[in-house]
Amino acid sequence: MRPSGPHSGSQARSPIAISKLLLPREIEVARARQHPAVLIPASALTLGGLLLAGILSATVLHGIPADVLWVAWLVLLLRLVWKVLDWSVWYFVVTSARLLRTSGFLTRRVNFLALDKIVDMSFERSFPGRLLGYGAFVVETAGKDQALRNVDFIPYPEQLYLLICGMLFPSSAEDMEDSGPSDYGEDSDGGRPGSPDPDDDPYGTAATVADPR
């Protein structure tokens, strides 16, 4: 997740569906697509169904039973395609004023939460999440009902967590910047250690970050 200046063009590369959701003075600070690990269960089920259908059709089942089995596998394949389409339009967006989550391929769903309403925020990483590089955000507000509480399968959760905390507590973030690159832990290109480069991310899960100031 490499920080970029206001002239980096990250706003111009924003998907149209997201750009239309931003207010005139609202700035997109970061954007992340859900980690492709969310597709693993459906992919594994489809692959397992294919192997099972192939083995049973070649050894035990013939005729109509085999045809029914392949139809069942086709349903699994269509389910996987549908989940991929849903994944392609899922975004978690951090702006200068709020957190946004967009989802839904046919029926678009947009949930948002104003930054000034957040009273607590944490992220969780399961063992598979630590292996594959994703986590989950848990956001708490003063009210009981909120549109955005759990955000699952977020790539690079530590970087996004620190970014959002810096926006919630700007004085602490400024103190960290004033301490110098050696204390802040920046790398040679101005990003944080281990910050992923979106250009090297084949799945499009790397967060795109712009300077909100």
N, C-alpha and C. Protein backbone atom coordinates (compact mmCIF):
# COMPACT_ATOMS: atom_id res chain seq x y z
N MET A 1 0.86 -1.17 0.00
CA MET A 1 0.00 0.00 0.00
C MET A 1 0.89 1.22 0.00
N ARG A 2 1.16 1.79 -1.14
CA ARG A 2 2.11 2.87 -1.26
C ARG A 2 1.40 4.20 -1.23
N PRO A 3 1.79 5.10 -0.29
CA PRO A 3 1.20 6.42 -0.28
C PRO A 3 1.55 7.16 -1.55
N SER A 4 0.65 7.97 -2.02
CA SER A 4 0.89 8.72 -3.25
C SER A 4 0.40 10.13 -3.06
N GLY A 5 1.00 11.05 -3.76
CA GLY A 5 0.66 12.45 -3.64
C GLY A 5 -0.61 12.79 -4.38
N PRO A 6 -1.05 14.04 -4.28
CA PRO A 6 -2.30 14.44 -4.91
C PRO A 6 -2.25 14.42 -6.42
N HIS A 7 -1.06 14.35 -6.99
CA HIS A 7 -0.94 14.34 -8.44
C HIS A 7 -0.68 12.95 -8.99
N SER A 8 -0.90 11.92 -8.15
CA SER A 8 -0.61 10.56 -8.59
C SER A 8 -1.65 10.01 -9.54
N GLY A 9 -2.83 10.63 -9.59
CA GLY A 9 -3.88 10.15 -10.49
C GLY A 9 -4.72 9.07 -9.89
N SER A 10 -4.62 8.79 -8.57
CA SER A 10 -5.43 7.73 -7.96
C SER A 10 -6.90 8.04 -8.05
N GLN A 11 -7.27 9.33 -7.97
CA GLN A 11 -8.67 9.69 -8.11
C GLN A 11 -9.17 9.37 -9.50
N ALA A 12 -8.33 9.62 -10.52
CA ALA A 12 -8.76 9.37 -11.89
C ALA A 12 -8.95 7.89 -12.15
N ARG A 13 -8.20 7.04 -11.41
CA ARG A 13 -8.31 5.60 -11.63
C ARG A 13 -9.43 4.98 -10.82
N SER A 14 -10.13 5.77 -10.02
CA SER A 14 -11.22 5.24 -9.21
C SER A 14 -12.32 4.68 -10.11
N PRO A 15 -12.91 3.54 -9.74
CA PRO A 15 -14.04 3.04 -10.51
C PRO A 15 -15.17 4.05 -10.54
N ILE A 16 -15.88 4.08 -11.65
CA ILE A 16 -16.96 5.06 -11.81
C ILE A 16 -18.01 4.88 -10.72
N ALA A 17 -18.29 3.63 -10.36
CA ALA A 17 -19.30 3.37 -9.33
C ALA A 17 -18.93 4.00 -8.01
N ILE A 18 -17.62 4.10 -7.71
CA ILE A 18 -17.18 4.73 -6.47
C ILE A 18 -17.13 6.24 -6.61
N SER A 19 -16.65 6.72 -7.74
CA SER A 19 -16.56 8.16 -7.96
C SER A 19 -17.92 8.83 -7.82
N LYS A 20 -18.97 8.15 -8.25
CA LYS A 20 -20.30 8.74 -8.18
C LYS A 20 -20.82 8.84 -6.75
N LEU A 21 -20.19 8.11 -5.82
CA LEU A 21 -20.64 8.12 -4.43
C LEU A 21 -19.97 9.22 -3.60
N LEU A 22 -18.92 9.82 -4.13
CA LEU A 22 -18.17 10.81 -3.38
C LEU A 22 -18.82 12.19 -3.47
N LEU A 23 -18.83 12.90 -2.36
CA LEU A 23 -19.34 14.25 -2.32
C LEU A 23 -18.34 15.20 -3.00
N PRO A 24 -18.78 16.39 -3.38
CA PRO A 24 -17.88 17.31 -4.11
C PRO A 24 -16.56 17.57 -3.41
N ARG A 25 -16.57 17.73 -2.09
CA ARG A 25 -15.34 18.03 -1.35
C ARG A 25 -14.74 16.81 -0.67
N GLU A 26 -15.27 15.66 -0.97
CA GLU A 26 -14.79 14.43 -0.34
C GLU A 26 -13.64 13.84 -1.15
N ILE A 27 -12.60 13.40 -0.46
CA ILE A 27 -11.40 12.87 -1.11
C ILE A 27 -11.25 11.39 -0.80
N GLU A 28 -11.03 10.61 -1.82
CA GLU A 28 -10.75 9.19 -1.61
C GLU A 28 -9.32 9.03 -1.12
N VAL A 29 -9.17 8.45 0.06
CA VAL A 29 -7.86 8.28 0.67
C VAL A 29 -7.29 6.89 0.40
N ALA A 30 -8.12 5.87 0.48
CA ALA A 30 -7.65 4.51 0.25
C ALA A 30 -8.79 3.67 -0.30
N ARG A 31 -8.43 2.67 -1.09
CA ARG A 31 -9.43 1.78 -1.68
C ARG A 31 -8.84 0.37 -1.74
N ALA A 32 -9.60 -0.62 -1.31
CA ALA A 32 -9.12 -2.01 -1.32
C ALA A 32 -10.23 -2.92 -1.80
N ARG A 33 -9.86 -3.87 -2.61
CA ARG A 33 -10.80 -4.92 -3.03
C ARG A 33 -10.65 -6.09 -2.08
N GLN A 34 -11.73 -6.80 -1.86
CA GLN A 34 -11.72 -7.94 -0.96
C GLN A 34 -10.69 -8.98 -1.42
N HIS A 35 -10.01 -9.59 -0.46
CA HIS A 35 -8.98 -10.56 -0.79
C HIS A 35 -9.59 -11.75 -1.54
N PRO A 36 -8.93 -12.25 -2.59
CA PRO A 36 -9.49 -13.37 -3.35
C PRO A 36 -9.64 -14.65 -2.55
N ALA A 37 -9.09 -14.69 -1.33
CA ALA A 37 -9.28 -15.87 -0.49
C ALA A 37 -10.75 -16.11 -0.19
N VAL A 38 -11.58 -15.07 -0.31
CA VAL A 38 -13.01 -15.24 -0.08
C VAL A 38 -13.63 -16.21 -1.08
N LEU A 39 -12.95 -16.42 -2.21
CA LEU A 39 -13.46 -17.31 -3.26
C LEU A 39 -12.98 -18.75 -3.09
N ILE A 40 -12.12 -19.01 -2.12
CA ILE A 40 -11.55 -20.35 -1.97
C ILE A 40 -12.62 -21.42 -1.71
N PRO A 41 -13.56 -21.23 -0.77
CA PRO A 41 -14.56 -22.29 -0.55
C PRO A 41 -15.36 -22.65 -1.79
N ALA A 42 -15.86 -21.64 -2.51
CA ALA A 42 -16.65 -21.92 -3.72
C ALA A 42 -15.78 -22.57 -4.79
N SER A 43 -14.52 -22.13 -4.91
CA SER A 43 -13.62 -22.72 -5.91
C SER A 43 -13.31 -24.17 -5.57
N ALA A 44 -13.05 -24.44 -4.28
CA ALA A 44 -12.74 -25.81 -3.88
C ALA A 44 -13.94 -26.72 -4.08
N LEU A 45 -15.14 -26.21 -3.79
CA LEU A 45 -16.34 -27.03 -3.98
C LEU A 45 -16.57 -27.33 -5.46
N THR A 46 -16.32 -26.35 -6.31
CA THR A 46 -16.50 -26.56 -7.75
C THR A 46 -15.48 -27.56 -8.30
N LEU A 47 -14.22 -27.41 -7.87
CA LEU A 47 -13.19 -28.34 -8.32
C LEU A 47 -13.46 -29.76 -7.80
N GLY A 48 -13.84 -29.85 -6.53
CA GLY A 48 -14.16 -31.18 -5.99
C GLY A 48 -15.35 -31.81 -6.69
N GLY A 49 -16.35 -31.00 -7.02
CA GLY A 49 -17.50 -31.53 -7.77
C GLY A 49 -17.12 -32.01 -9.15
N LEU A 50 -16.19 -31.30 -9.80
CA LEU A 50 -15.73 -31.72 -11.11
C LEU A 50 -15.01 -33.06 -11.05
N LEU A 51 -14.13 -33.21 -10.06
CA LEU A 51 -13.41 -34.48 -9.92
C LEU A 51 -14.37 -35.63 -9.60
N LEU A 52 -15.33 -35.36 -8.71
CA LEU A 52 -16.28 -36.40 -8.34
C LEU A 52 -17.15 -36.80 -9.53
N ALA A 53 -17.64 -35.80 -10.27
CA ALA A 53 -18.47 -36.10 -11.44
C ALA A 53 -17.70 -36.87 -12.49
N GLY A 54 -16.43 -36.51 -12.69
CA GLY A 54 -15.63 -37.22 -13.69
C GLY A 54 -15.36 -38.65 -13.31
N ILE A 55 -15.04 -38.89 -12.03
CA ILE A 55 -14.73 -40.25 -11.58
C ILE A 55 -15.98 -41.13 -11.61
N LEU A 56 -17.10 -40.61 -11.07
CA LEU A 56 -18.32 -41.43 -11.03
C LEU A 56 -18.87 -41.69 -12.43
N SER A 57 -18.75 -40.71 -13.32
CA SER A 57 -19.25 -40.91 -14.70
C SER A 57 -18.43 -41.95 -15.45
N ALA A 58 -17.15 -42.04 -15.12
CA ALA A 58 -16.28 -42.98 -15.82
C ALA A 58 -16.32 -44.38 -15.22
N THR A 59 -16.80 -44.51 -14.00
CA THR A 59 -16.73 -45.82 -13.33
C THR A 59 -18.09 -46.41 -12.95
N VAL A 60 -18.96 -45.62 -12.36
CA VAL A 60 -20.18 -46.17 -11.78
C VAL A 60 -21.43 -45.71 -12.52
N LEU A 61 -21.59 -44.41 -12.69
CA LEU A 61 -22.82 -43.85 -13.23
C LEU A 61 -22.75 -43.71 -14.74
N HIS A 62 -23.88 -44.02 -15.37
CA HIS A 62 -23.98 -43.88 -16.82
C HIS A 62 -25.41 -43.43 -17.16
N GLY A 63 -25.58 -42.85 -18.32
CA GLY A 63 -26.91 -42.46 -18.75
C GLY A 63 -27.46 -41.27 -17.97
N ILE A 64 -28.73 -41.37 -17.58
CA ILE A 64 -29.41 -40.26 -16.90
C ILE A 64 -28.77 -39.89 -15.56
N PRO A 65 -28.40 -40.86 -14.70
CA PRO A 65 -27.75 -40.48 -13.44
C PRO A 65 -26.49 -39.65 -13.66
N ALA A 66 -25.70 -40.01 -14.66
CA ALA A 66 -24.49 -39.24 -14.95
C ALA A 66 -24.85 -37.84 -15.43
N ASP A 67 -25.90 -37.74 -16.25
CA ASP A 67 -26.32 -36.41 -16.73
C ASP A 67 -26.78 -35.53 -15.57
N VAL A 68 -27.51 -36.11 -14.63
CA VAL A 68 -27.96 -35.35 -13.45
C VAL A 68 -26.76 -34.86 -12.64
N LEU A 69 -25.75 -35.71 -12.53
CA LEU A 69 -24.55 -35.34 -11.78
C LEU A 69 -23.84 -34.16 -12.43
N TRP A 70 -23.76 -34.18 -13.76
CA TRP A 70 -23.09 -33.07 -14.45
C TRP A 70 -23.92 -31.78 -14.38
N VAL A 71 -25.23 -31.91 -14.36
CA VAL A 71 -26.07 -30.73 -14.19
C VAL A 71 -25.84 -30.11 -12.81
N ALA A 72 -25.70 -30.98 -11.80
CA ALA A 72 -25.42 -30.49 -10.45
C ALA A 72 -24.08 -29.76 -10.40
N TRP A 73 -23.09 -30.31 -11.13
CA TRP A 73 -21.79 -29.62 -11.16
C TRP A 73 -21.89 -28.29 -11.89
N LEU A 74 -22.72 -28.23 -12.93
CA LEU A 74 -22.90 -26.97 -13.66
C LEU A 74 -23.48 -25.90 -12.73
N VAL A 75 -24.37 -26.32 -11.85
CA VAL A 75 -24.91 -25.37 -10.86
C VAL A 75 -23.80 -24.83 -9.97
N LEU A 76 -22.89 -25.70 -9.55
CA LEU A 76 -21.75 -25.25 -8.74
C LEU A 76 -20.88 -24.28 -9.51
N LEU A 77 -20.68 -24.55 -10.80
CA LEU A 77 -19.86 -23.67 -11.62
C LEU A 77 -20.51 -22.29 -11.76
N LEU A 78 -21.82 -22.26 -12.00
CA LEU A 78 -22.52 -20.99 -12.12
C LEU A 78 -22.48 -20.22 -10.80
N ARG A 79 -22.55 -20.95 -9.70
CA ARG A 79 -22.44 -20.31 -8.38
C ARG A 79 -21.07 -19.65 -8.20
N LEU A 80 -20.03 -20.32 -8.65
CA LEU A 80 -18.69 -19.75 -8.57
C LEU A 80 -18.57 -18.50 -9.43
N VAL A 81 -19.11 -18.56 -10.65
CA VAL A 81 -19.06 -17.39 -11.54
C VAL A 81 -19.78 -16.21 -10.90
N TRP A 82 -20.92 -16.49 -10.28
CA TRP A 82 -21.68 -15.42 -9.62
C TRP A 82 -20.88 -14.79 -8.49
N LYS A 83 -20.18 -15.62 -7.70
CA LYS A 83 -19.38 -15.09 -6.60
C LYS A 83 -18.20 -14.27 -7.12
N VAL A 84 -17.63 -14.68 -8.24
CA VAL A 84 -16.53 -13.90 -8.83
C VAL A 84 -17.04 -12.54 -9.30
N LEU A 85 -18.22 -12.52 -9.90
CA LEU A 85 -18.79 -11.24 -10.34
C LEU A 85 -19.07 -10.33 -9.15
N ASP A 86 -19.58 -10.91 -8.06
CA ASP A 86 -19.81 -10.13 -6.86
C ASP A 86 -18.50 -9.59 -6.30
N TRP A 87 -17.47 -10.44 -6.31
CA TRP A 87 -16.16 -10.03 -5.81
C TRP A 87 -15.59 -8.87 -6.63
N SER A 88 -15.85 -8.87 -7.91
CA SER A 88 -15.26 -7.86 -8.79
C SER A 88 -15.79 -6.45 -8.52
N VAL A 89 -16.95 -6.33 -7.88
CA VAL A 89 -17.52 -5.01 -7.62
C VAL A 89 -17.50 -4.67 -6.13
N TRP A 90 -16.87 -5.51 -5.31
CA TRP A 90 -16.78 -5.26 -3.87
C TRP A 90 -15.58 -4.35 -3.59
N TYR A 91 -15.82 -3.26 -2.90
CA TYR A 91 -14.74 -2.35 -2.53
C TYR A 91 -14.93 -1.84 -1.11
N PHE A 92 -13.82 -1.67 -0.42
CA PHE A 92 -13.79 -0.98 0.86
C PHE A 92 -13.03 0.32 0.63
N VAL A 93 -13.68 1.44 0.90
CA VAL A 93 -13.12 2.75 0.56
C VAL A 93 -13.03 3.60 1.81
N VAL A 94 -11.88 4.21 1.99
CA VAL A 94 -11.67 5.19 3.06
C VAL A 94 -11.59 6.57 2.42
N THR A 95 -12.45 7.47 2.85
CA THR A 95 -12.42 8.84 2.33
C THR A 95 -12.05 9.79 3.46
N SER A 96 -11.98 11.05 3.13
CA SER A 96 -11.64 12.06 4.13
C SER A 96 -12.74 12.25 5.17
N ALA A 97 -13.92 11.67 4.93
CA ALA A 97 -15.05 11.89 5.84
C ALA A 97 -15.69 10.60 6.35
N ARG A 98 -15.50 9.47 5.67
CA ARG A 98 -16.25 8.28 6.05
C ARG A 98 -15.60 7.01 5.52
N LEU A 99 -16.13 5.88 5.98
CA LEU A 99 -15.78 4.56 5.46
C LEU A 99 -16.92 4.08 4.59
N LEU A 100 -16.60 3.53 3.43
CA LEU A 100 -17.61 3.05 2.49
C LEU A 100 -17.35 1.58 2.17
N ARG A 101 -18.44 0.83 1.99
CA ARG A 101 -18.35 -0.53 1.47
C ARG A 101 -19.40 -0.71 0.39
N THR A 102 -18.95 -1.05 -0.80
CA THR A 102 -19.87 -1.28 -1.92
C THR A 102 -19.85 -2.75 -2.28
N SER A 103 -21.00 -3.31 -2.59
CA SER A 103 -21.08 -4.72 -2.94
C SER A 103 -22.33 -4.95 -3.78
N GLY A 104 -22.41 -6.12 -4.39
CA GLY A 104 -23.58 -6.48 -5.18
C GLY A 104 -23.39 -6.23 -6.66
N PHE A 105 -23.47 -7.30 -7.46
CA PHE A 105 -23.27 -7.15 -8.91
C PHE A 105 -24.53 -6.64 -9.59
N LEU A 106 -25.68 -7.22 -9.29
CA LEU A 106 -26.93 -6.76 -9.88
C LEU A 106 -27.63 -5.74 -8.99
N THR A 107 -27.75 -6.07 -7.71
CA THR A 107 -28.34 -5.15 -6.75
C THR A 107 -27.22 -4.50 -5.95
N ARG A 108 -26.94 -3.23 -6.24
CA ARG A 108 -25.83 -2.55 -5.60
C ARG A 108 -26.19 -2.17 -4.17
N ARG A 109 -25.30 -2.50 -3.23
CA ARG A 109 -25.47 -2.15 -1.83
C ARG A 109 -24.31 -1.26 -1.40
N VAL A 110 -24.64 -0.17 -0.75
CA VAL A 110 -23.62 0.77 -0.28
C VAL A 110 -23.85 1.03 1.20
N ASN A 111 -22.84 0.72 2.02
CA ASN A 111 -22.89 1.01 3.45
C ASN A 111 -21.78 2.00 3.76
N PHE A 112 -22.08 2.97 4.60
CA PHE A 112 -21.03 3.92 4.97
C PHE A 112 -21.16 4.28 6.43
N LEU A 113 -20.05 4.77 6.98
CA LEU A 113 -20.00 5.19 8.37
C LEU A 113 -19.10 6.42 8.46
N ALA A 114 -19.62 7.49 9.04
CA ALA A 114 -18.85 8.72 9.18
C ALA A 114 -17.70 8.50 10.16
N LEU A 115 -16.54 9.07 9.84
CA LEU A 115 -15.38 8.89 10.69
C LEU A 115 -15.60 9.44 12.10
N ASP A 116 -16.36 10.54 12.19
CA ASP A 116 -16.56 11.14 13.51
C ASP A 116 -17.53 10.35 14.38
N LYS A 117 -18.12 9.28 13.84
CA LYS A 117 -19.01 8.43 14.62
C LYS A 117 -18.28 7.22 15.21
N ILE A 118 -17.06 6.99 14.79
CA ILE A 118 -16.31 5.81 15.24
C ILE A 118 -15.74 6.07 16.63
N VAL A 119 -16.02 5.16 17.55
CA VAL A 119 -15.48 5.28 18.90
C VAL A 119 -14.43 4.20 19.19
N ASP A 120 -14.44 3.14 18.40
CA ASP A 120 -13.46 2.07 18.61
C ASP A 120 -13.33 1.28 17.31
N MET A 121 -12.12 0.80 17.06
CA MET A 121 -11.88 0.04 15.84
C MET A 121 -10.74 -0.94 16.08
N SER A 122 -10.91 -2.15 15.60
CA SER A 122 -9.87 -3.16 15.74
C SER A 122 -9.86 -4.04 14.50
N PHE A 123 -8.79 -4.81 14.35
CA PHE A 123 -8.78 -5.78 13.25
C PHE A 123 -8.37 -7.13 13.80
N GLU A 124 -8.87 -8.17 13.17
CA GLU A 124 -8.62 -9.53 13.59
C GLU A 124 -8.01 -10.31 12.44
N ARG A 125 -7.08 -11.20 12.77
CA ARG A 125 -6.47 -12.04 11.74
C ARG A 125 -6.48 -13.49 12.23
N SER A 126 -7.21 -14.33 11.52
CA SER A 126 -7.20 -15.75 11.82
C SER A 126 -5.90 -16.36 11.32
N PHE A 127 -5.69 -17.64 11.66
CA PHE A 127 -4.47 -18.30 11.18
C PHE A 127 -4.43 -18.35 9.65
N PRO A 128 -5.52 -18.75 8.96
CA PRO A 128 -5.48 -18.68 7.49
C PRO A 128 -5.27 -17.25 6.99
N GLY A 129 -5.84 -16.27 7.71
CA GLY A 129 -5.64 -14.88 7.30
C GLY A 129 -4.20 -14.45 7.40
N ARG A 130 -3.49 -14.92 8.42
CA ARG A 130 -2.07 -14.58 8.56
C ARG A 130 -1.24 -15.25 7.47
N LEU A 131 -1.65 -16.44 7.06
CA LEU A 131 -0.92 -17.14 6.01
C LEU A 131 -1.14 -16.49 4.64
N LEU A 132 -2.38 -16.09 4.38
CA LEU A 132 -2.73 -15.59 3.05
C LEU A 132 -2.71 -14.07 2.95
N GLY A 133 -2.67 -13.38 4.07
CA GLY A 133 -2.54 -11.93 4.03
C GLY A 133 -3.83 -11.15 4.04
N TYR A 134 -4.79 -11.56 4.87
CA TYR A 134 -6.03 -10.80 4.98
C TYR A 134 -6.48 -10.77 6.43
N GLY A 135 -7.41 -9.87 6.73
CA GLY A 135 -7.94 -9.75 8.07
C GLY A 135 -9.34 -9.19 8.04
N ALA A 136 -9.88 -8.92 9.22
CA ALA A 136 -11.24 -8.40 9.34
C ALA A 136 -11.23 -7.18 10.24
N PHE A 137 -11.98 -6.15 9.86
CA PHE A 137 -12.13 -4.96 10.67
C PHE A 137 -13.41 -5.08 11.50
N VAL A 138 -13.35 -4.62 12.73
CA VAL A 138 -14.52 -4.52 13.60
C VAL A 138 -14.62 -3.07 14.05
N VAL A 139 -15.69 -2.40 13.65
CA VAL A 139 -15.87 -0.97 13.92
C VAL A 139 -17.00 -0.80 14.91
N GLU A 140 -16.76 0.00 15.94
CA GLU A 140 -17.78 0.26 16.96
C GLU A 140 -18.15 1.73 16.96
N THR A 141 -19.44 2.01 17.14
CA THR A 141 -19.93 3.38 17.26
C THR A 141 -20.72 3.51 18.56
N ALA A 142 -21.12 4.73 18.86
CA ALA A 142 -21.87 4.97 20.09
C ALA A 142 -23.28 4.40 20.00
N GLY A 143 -23.88 4.36 18.81
CA GLY A 143 -25.22 3.85 18.63
C GLY A 143 -25.26 2.33 18.53
N LYS A 144 -26.42 1.75 18.74
CA LYS A 144 -26.58 0.30 18.65
C LYS A 144 -26.66 -0.17 17.21
N ASP A 145 -27.36 0.59 16.37
CA ASP A 145 -27.53 0.21 14.97
C ASP A 145 -26.52 0.96 14.12
N GLN A 146 -25.79 0.21 13.29
CA GLN A 146 -24.84 0.84 12.39
C GLN A 146 -24.78 0.04 11.10
N ALA A 147 -24.56 0.76 10.01
CA ALA A 147 -24.59 0.14 8.69
C ALA A 147 -23.29 -0.60 8.38
N LEU A 148 -22.22 -0.25 9.06
CA LEU A 148 -20.92 -0.84 8.73
C LEU A 148 -20.22 -1.22 10.03
N ARG A 149 -20.19 -2.50 10.33
CA ARG A 149 -19.54 -2.95 11.57
C ARG A 149 -18.42 -3.94 11.30
N ASN A 150 -18.72 -5.02 10.58
CA ASN A 150 -17.71 -6.03 10.26
C ASN A 150 -17.34 -5.95 8.78
N VAL A 151 -16.07 -5.85 8.50
CA VAL A 151 -15.57 -5.85 7.13
C VAL A 151 -14.56 -6.98 7.03
N ASP A 152 -14.92 -8.03 6.31
CA ASP A 152 -14.11 -9.24 6.26
C ASP A 152 -13.21 -9.30 5.03
N PHE A 153 -12.18 -10.13 5.12
CA PHE A 153 -11.26 -10.41 4.01
C PHE A 153 -10.64 -9.13 3.44
N ILE A 154 -10.15 -8.28 4.35
CA ILE A 154 -9.46 -7.06 3.93
C ILE A 154 -7.97 -7.37 3.75
N PRO A 155 -7.39 -7.06 2.58
CA PRO A 155 -5.95 -7.26 2.40
C PRO A 155 -5.16 -6.18 3.12
N TYR A 156 -3.96 -6.54 3.61
CA TYR A 156 -3.07 -5.60 4.29
C TYR A 156 -3.79 -4.86 5.41
N PRO A 157 -4.40 -5.57 6.36
CA PRO A 157 -5.22 -4.90 7.38
C PRO A 157 -4.42 -3.98 8.29
N GLU A 158 -3.14 -4.34 8.58
CA GLU A 158 -2.36 -3.49 9.47
C GLU A 158 -2.17 -2.10 8.88
N GLN A 159 -1.82 -2.04 7.58
CA GLN A 159 -1.59 -0.74 6.95
C GLN A 159 -2.85 0.09 6.91
N LEU A 160 -3.97 -0.54 6.55
CA LEU A 160 -5.22 0.21 6.50
C LEU A 160 -5.66 0.63 7.91
N TYR A 161 -5.40 -0.23 8.88
CA TYR A 161 -5.76 0.10 10.27
C TYR A 161 -4.99 1.33 10.74
N LEU A 162 -3.69 1.35 10.48
CA LEU A 162 -2.88 2.50 10.88
C LEU A 162 -3.30 3.76 10.14
N LEU A 163 -3.64 3.60 8.87
CA LEU A 163 -4.08 4.76 8.09
C LEU A 163 -5.36 5.37 8.68
N ILE A 164 -6.33 4.52 8.99
CA ILE A 164 -7.60 5.02 9.54
C ILE A 164 -7.38 5.60 10.94
N CYS A 165 -6.54 4.94 11.75
CA CYS A 165 -6.25 5.48 13.08
C CYS A 165 -5.59 6.85 12.97
N GLY A 166 -4.72 7.03 11.98
CA GLY A 166 -4.09 8.32 11.78
C GLY A 166 -5.09 9.40 11.42
N MET A 167 -6.17 9.03 10.73
CA MET A 167 -7.21 10.01 10.40
C MET A 167 -8.09 10.29 11.61
N LEU A 168 -8.29 9.28 12.46
CA LEU A 168 -9.10 9.48 13.65
C LEU A 168 -8.36 10.27 14.72
N PHE A 169 -7.02 10.09 14.75
CA PHE A 169 -6.19 10.79 15.73
C PHE A 169 -5.08 11.53 14.99
N PRO A 170 -5.41 12.62 14.31
CA PRO A 170 -4.42 13.32 13.47
C PRO A 170 -3.24 13.86 14.26
N SER A 171 -3.43 14.26 15.50
CA SER A 171 -2.32 14.81 16.28
C SER A 171 -1.25 13.75 16.52
N SER A 172 -1.67 12.52 16.80
CA SER A 172 -0.71 11.44 17.00
C SER A 172 0.02 11.11 15.72
N ALA A 173 -0.70 11.14 14.58
CA ALA A 173 -0.06 10.86 13.30
C ALA A 173 0.96 11.93 12.95
N GLU A 174 0.66 13.19 13.24
CA GLU A 174 1.59 14.27 12.95
C GLU A 174 2.83 14.16 13.82
N ASP A 175 2.66 13.77 15.08
CA ASP A 175 3.82 13.58 15.95
C ASP A 175 4.72 12.49 15.41
N MET A 176 4.11 11.44 14.86
CA MET A 176 4.90 10.35 14.31
C MET A 176 5.68 10.79 13.08
N GLU A 177 5.04 11.62 12.22
CA GLU A 177 5.71 12.12 11.03
C GLU A 177 6.84 13.07 11.41
N ASP A 178 6.63 13.91 12.45
CA ASP A 178 7.65 14.87 12.86
C ASP A 178 8.86 14.20 13.46
N SER A 179 8.72 12.94 13.91
CA SER A 179 9.84 12.26 14.53
C SER A 179 10.89 11.83 13.52
N GLY A 180 10.57 11.91 12.22
CA GLY A 180 11.54 11.59 11.19
C GLY A 180 11.34 10.23 10.60
N PRO A 181 11.90 9.97 9.40
CA PRO A 181 11.72 8.68 8.72
C PRO A 181 12.25 7.51 9.52
N SER A 182 13.37 7.71 10.29
CA SER A 182 13.95 6.58 11.00
C SER A 182 13.03 6.07 12.10
N ASP A 183 12.30 7.00 12.76
CA ASP A 183 11.38 6.58 13.80
C ASP A 183 10.06 6.11 13.23
N TYR A 184 9.64 6.73 12.15
CA TYR A 184 8.35 6.39 11.55
C TYR A 184 8.42 5.07 10.81
N GLY A 185 9.63 4.70 10.35
CA GLY A 185 9.79 3.40 9.70
C GLY A 185 9.48 3.44 8.23
N GLU A 186 9.76 4.55 7.53
CA GLU A 186 9.47 4.62 6.11
C GLU A 186 10.57 3.92 5.32
N ASP A 187 10.22 3.43 4.17
CA ASP A 187 11.20 2.84 3.29
C ASP A 187 11.70 3.88 2.32
N SER A 188 12.51 3.45 1.38
CA SER A 188 13.18 4.39 0.49
C SER A 188 12.24 5.15 -0.40
N ASP A 189 11.06 4.61 -0.72
CA ASP A 189 10.17 5.32 -1.63
C ASP A 189 9.06 6.05 -0.89
N GLY A 190 9.18 6.19 0.44
CA GLY A 190 8.22 6.98 1.21
C GLY A 190 7.09 6.16 1.79
N GLY A 191 7.02 4.86 1.52
CA GLY A 191 5.94 4.04 2.05
C GLY A 191 6.37 3.38 3.34
N ARG A 192 5.47 2.67 3.95
CA ARG A 192 5.79 1.95 5.17
C ARG A 192 6.41 0.62 4.83
N PRO A 193 7.18 0.05 5.77
CA PRO A 193 7.85 -1.22 5.48
C PRO A 193 6.85 -2.28 5.08
N GLY A 194 7.19 -3.01 4.04
CA GLY A 194 6.32 -4.07 3.58
C GLY A 194 5.09 -3.58 2.85
N SER A 195 5.02 -2.30 2.50
CA SER A 195 3.84 -1.79 1.83
C SER A 195 3.74 -2.38 0.44
N PRO A 196 2.63 -3.02 0.10
CA PRO A 196 2.49 -3.64 -1.22
C PRO A 196 2.32 -2.61 -2.31
N ASP A 197 2.86 -2.89 -3.44
CA ASP A 197 2.72 -2.02 -4.60
C ASP A 197 1.54 -2.50 -5.42
N PRO A 198 0.51 -1.65 -5.65
CA PRO A 198 -0.67 -2.09 -6.42
C PRO A 198 -0.31 -2.58 -7.81
N ASP A 199 0.81 -2.07 -8.39
CA ASP A 199 1.19 -2.49 -9.73
C ASP A 199 1.66 -3.93 -9.75
N ASP A 200 2.09 -4.45 -8.58
CA ASP A 200 2.58 -5.83 -8.50
C ASP A 200 1.53 -6.78 -7.99
N ASP A 201 0.30 -6.34 -7.86
CA ASP A 201 -0.77 -7.15 -7.29
C ASP A 201 -1.68 -7.66 -8.39
N PRO A 202 -1.56 -8.94 -8.80
CA PRO A 202 -2.35 -9.44 -9.92
C PRO A 202 -3.84 -9.53 -9.64
N TYR A 203 -4.24 -9.52 -8.35
CA TYR A 203 -5.64 -9.67 -8.02
C TYR A 203 -6.35 -8.34 -7.78
N GLY A 204 -5.61 -7.25 -7.77
CA GLY A 204 -6.23 -5.96 -7.53
C GLY A 204 -6.66 -5.76 -6.10
N THR A 205 -5.99 -6.48 -5.15
CA THR A 205 -6.38 -6.35 -3.75
C THR A 205 -5.59 -5.28 -3.03
N ALA A 206 -4.50 -4.81 -3.62
CA ALA A 206 -3.69 -3.81 -2.95
C ALA A 206 -4.47 -2.52 -2.79
N ALA A 207 -4.35 -1.93 -1.61
CA ALA A 207 -5.06 -0.68 -1.35
C ALA A 207 -4.40 0.47 -2.09
N THR A 208 -5.18 1.30 -2.74
CA THR A 208 -4.68 2.49 -3.39
C THR A 208 -4.85 3.66 -2.43
N VAL A 209 -3.74 4.34 -2.14
CA VAL A 209 -3.76 5.36 -1.12
C VAL A 209 -3.35 6.70 -1.69
N ALA A 210 -4.07 7.74 -1.31
CA ALA A 210 -3.73 9.10 -1.70
C ALA A 210 -3.58 9.94 -0.45
N ASP A 211 -2.89 11.07 -0.59
CA ASP A 211 -2.69 11.98 0.53
C ASP A 211 -3.94 12.84 0.69
N PRO A 212 -4.65 12.76 1.85
CA PRO A 212 -5.89 13.48 2.00
C PRO A 212 -5.70 14.97 2.26
N ARG A 213 -4.45 15.40 2.49
CA ARG A 213 -4.27 16.82 2.84
C ARG A 213 -4.18 17.70 1.62
